[in-house]
Protein backbone atom coordinates (compact mmCIF):
# COMPACT_ATOMS: atom_id res chain seq x y z
CA MET A 1 -10.62 40.10 0.26
CA GLU A 2 -6.21 40.67 -0.40
CA ILE A 3 -6.56 41.36 -3.55
CA GLY A 4 -9.84 44.10 -3.83
CA ALA A 5 -11.97 41.77 -6.18
CA GLU A 6 -15.10 43.28 -6.14
CA VAL A 7 -16.86 39.65 -7.52
CA ILE A 8 -16.11 36.65 -7.05
CA LEU A 9 -16.99 34.57 -10.73
CA LYS A 10 -17.65 30.76 -10.25
CA ALA A 11 -17.26 28.47 -13.10
CA THR A 12 -18.52 25.61 -12.87
CA LYS A 13 -20.33 23.03 -15.24
CA VAL A 14 -24.13 24.59 -15.60
CA ASP A 15 -25.25 27.43 -15.84
CA GLY A 16 -25.67 28.69 -11.83
CA VAL A 17 -27.44 27.43 -9.00
CA TYR A 18 -30.56 24.95 -8.82
CA THR A 19 -32.43 23.47 -6.18
CA ALA A 20 -31.24 20.03 -7.51
CA ASP A 21 -28.21 18.97 -9.71
CA PRO A 22 -29.87 19.65 -12.47
CA LEU A 23 -28.17 16.97 -15.20
CA LYS A 24 -29.53 14.06 -12.47
CA ASP A 25 -32.81 15.87 -11.77
CA LYS A 26 -34.92 17.38 -14.37
CA THR A 27 -37.12 19.59 -12.65
CA ALA A 28 -34.54 21.07 -10.67
CA ARG A 29 -35.32 24.71 -10.54
CA LYS A 30 -32.49 27.44 -11.21
CA TYR A 31 -32.33 30.33 -9.29
CA THR A 32 -31.53 33.42 -10.98
CA GLU A 33 -30.56 36.09 -7.40
CA LEU A 34 -29.59 34.52 -3.89
CA LYS A 35 -28.85 35.68 -0.62
CA PHE A 36 -26.63 34.73 1.45
CA ILE A 37 -28.03 34.11 4.28
CA ASP A 38 -30.75 31.54 2.58
CA VAL A 39 -27.29 29.69 0.73
CA LEU A 40 -26.18 28.86 4.62
CA LYS A 41 -29.57 28.81 6.39
CA ASN A 42 -30.76 25.94 3.50
CA GLY A 43 -27.80 24.29 2.57
CA ILE A 44 -27.65 24.88 -1.10
CA ASN A 45 -24.28 24.05 -2.96
CA VAL A 46 -22.75 26.99 -4.15
CA MET A 47 -19.42 26.93 -2.67
CA ASP A 48 -17.98 25.85 1.35
CA ALA A 49 -20.11 27.25 4.11
CA ALA A 50 -16.47 29.15 5.26
CA ALA A 51 -16.27 31.01 2.06
CA ILE A 52 -20.06 32.30 1.74
CA SER A 53 -19.36 33.42 5.24
CA LEU A 54 -16.79 34.92 3.98
CA CYS A 55 -18.37 36.69 1.23
CA MET A 56 -21.67 37.17 3.04
CA ASP A 57 -19.58 39.47 6.04
CA ASN A 58 -17.63 41.61 3.31
CA GLN A 59 -20.29 42.12 0.57
CA LEU A 60 -18.66 40.41 -2.02
CA PRO A 61 -21.10 38.93 -4.65
CA ILE A 62 -20.77 35.43 -6.28
CA ILE A 63 -21.71 34.93 -9.91
CA VAL A 64 -22.02 31.21 -10.71
CA PHE A 65 -21.88 30.81 -14.73
CA ASN A 66 -21.57 27.57 -17.57
CA LEU A 67 -18.16 27.94 -18.12
CA PHE A 68 -18.04 25.03 -21.07
CA GLU A 69 -21.10 27.84 -22.98
CA LYS A 70 -18.86 29.66 -25.61
CA GLY A 71 -18.59 33.03 -25.29
CA ASN A 72 -20.15 32.69 -21.09
CA ILE A 73 -16.30 34.38 -19.86
CA LYS A 74 -17.03 37.66 -22.35
CA ARG A 75 -20.42 38.09 -20.95
CA VAL A 76 -20.00 37.44 -16.96
CA ILE A 77 -16.77 40.17 -17.07
CA CYS A 78 -18.99 41.63 -19.24
CA GLY A 79 -21.65 42.28 -16.50
CA GLU A 80 -24.44 40.14 -19.01
CA PRO A 81 -27.02 38.94 -16.43
CA ILE A 82 -25.75 34.49 -17.14
CA GLY A 83 -26.09 32.20 -14.26
CA THR A 84 -26.85 32.71 -10.40
CA ILE A 85 -25.51 35.53 -8.81
CA VAL A 86 -25.06 35.42 -4.92
CA ARG A 87 -25.43 38.63 -2.55
CA GLY A 88 -26.99 40.74 0.57
CA ASN A 89 -28.95 41.75 -0.37
């Protein structure tokens, strides 16, 4: 919030947020979009609850994407719809 960011980019080893760990559970389903409140209510592991609450209070979206897929940093910066977006509305 102090640096005036418009979005948080969270690079991970998987391509978004899932219903379970997709590396351990082949039936895990990927969310393309989540609301902050649903992340908090359902204990979905994106970031710690304090960070999610801060983003929610300030309407700062979070994009979770796979760091290890070639070109993804450029894609996410250019606004391509990759990973999972967590936002208020």
